[in-house]
């Protein structure tokens, strides 16, 4: 049987997963996992460094964006 506490925990994990996806936190986590797997000796950027590099790359090559 599922207790109320178990349901609350599952709900909380689902909300945390959703928020991490919307805010892009999961992107950073995937990037760090990729670096550690494919480039074990490479330095891992901080969250701030990651986002600065990502936004700079988007500004340099906007791709399909209109502006």
PDB file of N, CA and C in Angstrom:
ATOM      1  N   UNK A   1       0.827  -1.187   0.000  1.00  0.00           N
ATOM      2  CA  UNK A   1       0.000   0.000   0.000  1.00  0.00           C
ATOM      3  C   UNK A   1       0.867   1.244   0.000  1.00  0.00           C
ATOM      4  N   UNK A   2       0.385   2.237  -0.682  1.00  0.00           N
ATOM      5  CA  UNK A   2       1.101   3.495  -0.754  1.00  0.00           C
ATOM      6  C   UNK A   2       0.600   4.406   0.356  1.00  0.00           C
ATOM      7  N   UNK A   3       1.542   4.913   1.120  1.00  0.00           N
ATOM      8  CA  UNK A   3       1.164   5.823   2.195  1.00  0.00           C
ATOM      9  C   UNK A   3       1.100   7.243   1.654  1.00  0.00           C
ATOM     10  N   UNK A   4       0.534   8.103   2.444  1.00  0.00           N
ATOM     11  CA  UNK A   4       0.439   9.514   2.078  1.00  0.00           C
ATOM     12  C   UNK A   4       1.842  10.102   1.930  1.00  0.00           C
ATOM     13  N   UNK A   5       2.749   9.718   2.803  1.00  0.00           N
ATOM     14  CA  UNK A   5       4.119  10.229   2.748  1.00  0.00           C
ATOM     15  C   UNK A   5       4.784   9.816   1.432  1.00  0.00           C
ATOM     16  N   UNK A   6       4.570   8.575   1.001  1.00  0.00           N
ATOM     17  CA  UNK A   6       5.128   8.120  -0.272  1.00  0.00           C
ATOM     18  C   UNK A   6       4.573   8.929  -1.446  1.00  0.00           C
ATOM     19  N   UNK A   7       3.295   9.209  -1.405  1.00  0.00           N
ATOM     20  CA  UNK A   7       2.684  10.009  -2.473  1.00  0.00           C
ATOM     21  C   UNK A   7       3.251  11.420  -2.496  1.00  0.00           C
ATOM     22  N   UNK A   8       3.429  12.003  -1.329  1.00  0.00           N
ATOM     23  CA  UNK A   8       3.999  13.354  -1.247  1.00  0.00           C
ATOM     24  C   UNK A   8       5.429  13.345  -1.778  1.00  0.00           C
ATOM     25  N   UNK A   9       6.206  12.352  -1.414  1.00  0.00           N
ATOM     26  CA  UNK A   9       7.594  12.254  -1.907  1.00  0.00           C
ATOM     27  C   UNK A   9       7.622  12.123  -3.427  1.00  0.00           C
ATOM     28  N   UNK A  10       6.781  11.265  -3.965  1.00  0.00           N
ATOM     29  CA  UNK A  10       6.728  11.099  -5.420  1.00  0.00           C
ATOM     30  C   UNK A  10       6.325  12.399  -6.103  1.00  0.00           C
ATOM     31  N   UNK A  11       5.345  13.062  -5.527  1.00  0.00           N
ATOM     32  CA  UNK A  11       4.903  14.343  -6.081  1.00  0.00           C
ATOM     33  C   UNK A  11       6.000  15.393  -6.026  1.00  0.00           C
ATOM     34  N   UNK A  12       6.701  15.443  -4.907  1.00  0.00           N
ATOM     35  CA  UNK A  12       7.791  16.413  -4.759  1.00  0.00           C
ATOM     36  C   UNK A  12       8.903  16.133  -5.772  1.00  0.00           C
ATOM     37  N   UNK A  13       9.261  14.869  -5.948  1.00  0.00           N
ATOM     38  CA  UNK A  13      10.300  14.516  -6.926  1.00  0.00           C
ATOM     39  C   UNK A  13       9.870  14.905  -8.338  1.00  0.00           C
ATOM     40  N   UNK A  14       8.594  14.702  -8.656  1.00  0.00           N
ATOM     41  CA  UNK A  14       8.087  15.065  -9.979  1.00  0.00           C
ATOM     42  C   UNK A  14       8.166  16.577 -10.194  1.00  0.00           C
ATOM     43  N   UNK A  15       7.796  17.347  -9.189  1.00  0.00           N
ATOM     44  CA  UNK A  15       7.872  18.807  -9.294  1.00  0.00           C
ATOM     45  C   UNK A  15       9.326  19.249  -9.429  1.00  0.00           C
ATOM     46  N   UNK A  16      10.224  18.672  -8.640  1.00  0.00           N
ATOM     47  CA  UNK A  16      11.645  19.029  -8.707  1.00  0.00           C
ATOM     48  C   UNK A  16      12.214  18.684 -10.084  1.00  0.00           C
ATOM     49  N   UNK A  17      11.843  17.529 -10.638  1.00  0.00           N
ATOM     50  CA  UNK A  17      12.300  17.136 -11.964  1.00  0.00           C
ATOM     51  C   UNK A  17      11.812  18.133 -13.012  1.00  0.00           C
ATOM     52  N   UNK A  18      10.554  18.535 -12.925  1.00  0.00           N
ATOM     53  CA  UNK A  18       9.981  19.474 -13.879  1.00  0.00           C
ATOM     54  C   UNK A  18      10.670  20.831 -13.796  1.00  0.00           C
ATOM     55  N   UNK A  19      10.852  21.340 -12.597  1.00  0.00           N
ATOM     56  CA  UNK A  19      11.490  22.643 -12.414  1.00  0.00           C
ATOM     57  C   UNK A  19      12.927  22.609 -12.933  1.00  0.00           C
ATOM     58  N   UNK A  20      13.654  21.533 -12.660  1.00  0.00           N
ATOM     59  CA  UNK A  20      15.028  21.411 -13.157  1.00  0.00           C
ATOM     60  C   UNK A  20      15.052  21.423 -14.683  1.00  0.00           C
ATOM     61  N   UNK A  21      14.081  20.816 -15.303  1.00  0.00           N
ATOM     62  CA  UNK A  21      14.012  20.819 -16.761  1.00  0.00           C
ATOM     63  C   UNK A  21      13.678  22.177 -17.325  1.00  0.00           C
ATOM     64  N   UNK A  22      12.743  22.876 -16.705  1.00  0.00           N
ATOM     65  CA  UNK A  22      12.330  24.190 -17.185  1.00  0.00           C
ATOM     66  C   UNK A  22      13.441  25.218 -17.003  1.00  0.00           C
ATOM     67  N   UNK A  23      14.133  25.158 -15.895  1.00  0.00           N
ATOM     68  CA  UNK A  23      15.185  26.143 -15.619  1.00  0.00           C
ATOM     69  C   UNK A  23      16.499  25.812 -16.303  1.00  0.00           C
ATOM     70  N   UNK A  24      16.620  24.626 -16.871  1.00  0.00           N
ATOM     71  CA  UNK A  24      17.839  24.251 -17.557  1.00  0.00           C
ATOM     72  C   UNK A  24      18.871  23.579 -16.674  1.00  0.00           C
ATOM     73  N   UNK A  25      18.568  23.363 -15.427  1.00  0.00           N
ATOM     74  CA  UNK A  25      19.513  22.716 -14.521  1.00  0.00           C
ATOM     75  C   UNK A  25      19.871  21.321 -15.021  1.00  0.00           C
ATOM     76  N   UNK A  26      18.911  20.637 -15.629  1.00  0.00           N
ATOM     77  CA  UNK A  26      19.209  19.302 -16.137  1.00  0.00           C
ATOM     78  C   UNK A  26      20.184  19.375 -17.312  1.00  0.00           C
ATOM     79  N   UNK A  27      20.172  20.484 -18.071  1.00  0.00           N
ATOM     80  CA  UNK A  27      21.144  20.657 -19.154  1.00  0.00           C
ATOM     81  C   UNK A  27      22.558  20.678 -18.602  1.00  0.00           C
ATOM     82  N   UNK A  28      22.756  21.432 -17.540  1.00  0.00           N
ATOM     83  CA  UNK A  28      24.081  21.516 -16.922  1.00  0.00           C
ATOM     84  C   UNK A  28      24.505  20.153 -16.383  1.00  0.00           C
ATOM     85  N   UNK A  29      23.599  19.457 -15.736  1.00  0.00           N
ATOM     86  CA  UNK A  29      23.922  18.141 -15.185  1.00  0.00           C
ATOM     87  C   UNK A  29      24.299  17.160 -16.290  1.00  0.00           C
ATOM     88  N   UNK A  30      23.574  17.200 -17.417  1.00  0.00           N
ATOM     89  CA  UNK A  30      23.911  16.332 -18.551  1.00  0.00           C
ATOM     90  C   UNK A  30      25.273  16.692 -19.129  1.00  0.00           C
ATOM     91  N   UNK A  31      25.572  17.985 -19.202  1.00  0.00           N
ATOM     92  CA  UNK A  31      26.858  18.434 -19.732  1.00  0.00           C
ATOM     93  C   UNK A  31      28.002  17.965 -18.841  1.00  0.00           C
ATOM     94  N   UNK A  32      27.842  18.086 -17.533  1.00  0.00           N
ATOM     95  CA  UNK A  32      28.872  17.626 -16.599  1.00  0.00           C
ATOM     96  C   UNK A  32      29.061  16.114 -16.735  1.00  0.00           C
ATOM     97  N   UNK A  33      27.980  15.370 -16.846  1.00  0.00           N
ATOM     98  CA  UNK A  33      28.087  13.917 -17.019  1.00  0.00           C
ATOM     99  C   UNK A  33      28.822  13.586 -18.319  1.00  0.00           C
ATOM    100  N   UNK A  34      28.525  14.329 -19.385  1.00  0.00           N
ATOM    101  CA  UNK A  34      29.209  14.131 -20.661  1.00  0.00           C
ATOM    102  C   UNK A  34      30.701  14.414 -20.517  1.00  0.00           C
ATOM    103  N   UNK A  35      31.040  15.529 -19.882  1.00  0.00           N
ATOM    104  CA  UNK A  35      32.455  15.860 -19.696  1.00  0.00           C
ATOM    105  C   UNK A  35      33.184  14.772 -18.920  1.00  0.00           C
ATOM    106  N   UNK A  36      32.601  14.323 -17.862  1.00  0.00           N
ATOM    107  CA  UNK A  36      33.263  13.308 -17.040  1.00  0.00           C
ATOM    108  C   UNK A  36      33.401  11.979 -17.770  1.00  0.00           C
ATOM    109  N   UNK A  37      32.434  11.662 -18.623  1.00  0.00           N
ATOM    110  CA  UNK A  37      32.464  10.401 -19.354  1.00  0.00           C
ATOM    111  C   UNK A  37      33.415  10.474 -20.549  1.00  0.00           C
ATOM    112  N   UNK A  38      33.327  11.527 -21.353  1.00  0.00           N
ATOM    113  CA  UNK A  38      34.080  11.628 -22.603  1.00  0.00           C
ATOM    114  C   UNK A  38      35.426  12.344 -22.466  1.00  0.00           C
ATOM    115  N   UNK A  39      35.534  13.248 -21.485  1.00  0.00           N
ATOM    116  CA  UNK A  39      36.748  14.043 -21.309  1.00  0.00           C
ATOM    117  C   UNK A  39      37.119  14.071 -19.827  1.00  0.00           C
ATOM    118  N   UNK A  40      37.545  12.939 -19.283  1.00  0.00           N
ATOM    119  CA  UNK A  40      37.757  12.844 -17.835  1.00  0.00           C
ATOM    120  C   UNK A  40      38.783  13.834 -17.268  1.00  0.00           C
ATOM    121  N   UNK A  41      39.730  14.286 -18.063  1.00  0.00           N
ATOM    122  CA  UNK A  41      40.741  15.212 -17.554  1.00  0.00           C
ATOM    123  C   UNK A  41      40.356  16.675 -17.679  1.00  0.00           C
ATOM    124  N   UNK A  42      39.272  16.958 -18.379  1.00  0.00           N
ATOM    125  CA  UNK A  42      38.869  18.345 -18.620  1.00  0.00           C
ATOM    126  C   UNK A  42      38.298  18.969 -17.349  1.00  0.00           C
ATOM    127  N   UNK A  43      38.572  20.260 -17.136  1.00  0.00           N
ATOM    128  CA  UNK A  43      37.980  20.924 -15.971  1.00  0.00           C
ATOM    129  C   UNK A  43      36.473  21.095 -16.154  1.00  0.00           C
ATOM    130  N   UNK A  44      35.746  20.956 -15.083  1.00  0.00           N
ATOM    131  CA  UNK A  44      34.286  21.098 -15.118  1.00  0.00           C
ATOM    132  C   UNK A  44      33.944  22.547 -14.780  1.00  0.00           C
ATOM    133  N   UNK A  45      33.240  23.240 -15.685  1.00  0.00           N
ATOM    134  CA  UNK A  45      32.884  24.637 -15.402  1.00  0.00           C
ATOM    135  C   UNK A  45      31.834  24.731 -14.298  1.00  0.00           C
ATOM    136  N   UNK A  46      31.818  25.870 -13.655  1.00  0.00           N
ATOM    137  CA  UNK A  46      30.762  26.116 -12.673  1.00  0.00           C
ATOM    138  C   UNK A  46      29.457  26.333 -13.429  1.00  0.00           C
ATOM    139  N   UNK A  47      28.369  26.369 -12.707  1.00  0.00           N
ATOM    140  CA  UNK A  47      27.067  26.601 -13.342  1.00  0.00           C
ATOM    141  C   UNK A  47      27.076  27.948 -14.060  1.00  0.00           C
ATOM    142  N   UNK A  48      27.620  28.971 -13.413  1.00  0.00           N
ATOM    143  CA  UNK A  48      27.676  30.298 -14.030  1.00  0.00           C
ATOM    144  C   UNK A  48      28.521  30.323 -15.284  1.00  0.00           C
ATOM    145  N   UNK A  49      29.665  29.663 -15.269  1.00  0.00           N
ATOM    146  CA  UNK A  49      30.520  29.591 -16.449  1.00  0.00           C
ATOM    147  C   UNK A  49      29.810  28.864 -17.589  1.00  0.00           C
ATOM    148  N   UNK A  50      29.136  27.769 -17.249  1.00  0.00           N
ATOM    149  CA  UNK A  50      28.406  27.007 -18.261  1.00  0.00           C
ATOM    150  C   UNK A  50      27.384  27.889 -18.970  1.00  0.00           C
ATOM    151  N   UNK A  51      26.579  28.622 -18.199  1.00  0.00           N
ATOM    152  CA  UNK A  51      25.534  29.437 -18.805  1.00  0.00           C
ATOM    153  C   UNK A  51      26.111  30.610 -19.568  1.00  0.00           C
ATOM    154  N   UNK A  52      27.198  31.219 -19.090  1.00  0.00           N
ATOM    155  CA  UNK A  52      27.828  32.310 -19.841  1.00  0.00           C
ATOM    156  C   UNK A  52      28.319  31.810 -21.199  1.00  0.00           C
ATOM    157  N   UNK A  53      28.971  30.640 -21.211  1.00  0.00           N
ATOM    158  CA  UNK A  53      29.454  30.064 -22.465  1.00  0.00           C
ATOM    159  C   UNK A  53      28.293  29.696 -23.389  1.00  0.00           C
ATOM    160  N   UNK A  54      27.247  29.145 -22.809  1.00  0.00           N
ATOM    161  CA  UNK A  54      26.097  28.731 -23.624  1.00  0.00           C
ATOM    162  C   UNK A  54      25.407  29.931 -24.262  1.00  0.00           C
ATOM    163  N   UNK A  55      25.178  30.997 -23.502  1.00  0.00           N
ATOM    164  CA  UNK A  55      24.542  32.196 -24.048  1.00  0.00           C
ATOM    165  C   UNK A  55      25.441  32.877 -25.067  1.00  0.00           C
ATOM    166  N   UNK A  56      26.751  32.888 -24.829  1.00  0.00           N
ATOM    167  CA  UNK A  56      27.687  33.481 -25.788  1.00  0.00           C
ATOM    168  C   UNK A  56      27.642  32.710 -27.110  1.00  0.00           C
ATOM    169  N   UNK A  57      27.573  31.391 -27.037  1.00  0.00           N
ATOM    170  CA  UNK A  57      27.496  30.578 -28.254  1.00  0.00           C
ATOM    171  C   UNK A  57      26.185  30.830 -28.994  1.00  0.00           C
ATOM    172  N   UNK A  58      25.091  30.999 -28.269  1.00  0.00           N
ATOM    173  CA  UNK A  58      23.797  31.275 -28.908  1.00  0.00           C
ATOM    174  C   UNK A  58      23.805  32.645 -29.573  1.00  0.00           C
ATOM    175  N   UNK A  59      24.445  33.630 -28.939  1.00  0.00           N
ATOM    176  CA  UNK A  59      24.524  34.964 -29.517  1.00  0.00           C
ATOM    177  C   UNK A  59      25.419  34.982 -30.753  1.00  0.00           C
ATOM    178  N   UNK A  60      26.494  34.203 -30.739  1.00  0.00           N
ATOM    179  CA  UNK A  60      27.411  34.161 -31.867  1.00  0.00           C
ATOM    180  C   UNK A  60      26.793  33.440 -33.064  1.00  0.00           C
ATOM    181  N   UNK A  61      25.954  32.447 -32.836  1.00  0.00           N
ATOM    182  CA  UNK A  61      25.341  31.680 -33.904  1.00  0.00           C
ATOM    183  C   UNK A  61      23.865  31.480 -33.581  1.00  0.00           C
ATOM    184  N   UNK A  62      23.023  32.469 -33.903  1.00  0.00           N
ATOM    185  CA  UNK A  62      21.615  32.386 -33.485  1.00  0.00           C
ATOM    186  C   UNK A  62      20.813  31.279 -34.150  1.00  0.00           C
ATOM    187  N   UNK A  63      21.270  30.747 -35.259  1.00  0.00           N
ATOM    188  CA  UNK A  63      20.557  29.643 -35.893  1.00  0.00           C
ATOM    189  C   UNK A  63      19.195  30.064 -36.430  1.00  0.00           C
ATOM    190  N   UNK A  64      18.145  29.399 -35.984  1.00  0.00           N
ATOM    191  CA  UNK A  64      16.803  29.634 -36.530  1.00  0.00           C
ATOM    192  C   UNK A  64      16.061  30.767 -35.832  1.00  0.00           C
ATOM    193  N   UNK A  65      16.693  31.437 -34.877  1.00  0.00           N
ATOM    194  CA  UNK A  65      15.983  32.529 -34.213  1.00  0.00           C
ATOM    195  C   UNK A  65      15.767  33.688 -35.179  1.00  0.00           C
ATOM    196  N   UNK A  66      14.751  34.435 -34.949  1.00  0.00           N
ATOM    197  CA  UNK A  66      14.418  35.539 -35.871  1.00  0.00           C
ATOM    198  C   UNK A  66      15.266  36.778 -35.602  1.00  0.00           C
ATOM    199  N   UNK A  67      15.749  36.966 -34.394  1.00  0.00           N
ATOM    200  CA  UNK A  67      16.452  38.216 -34.055  1.00  0.00           C
ATOM    201  C   UNK A  67      17.879  37.983 -33.594  1.00  0.00           C
TER     202      UNK A  67
END
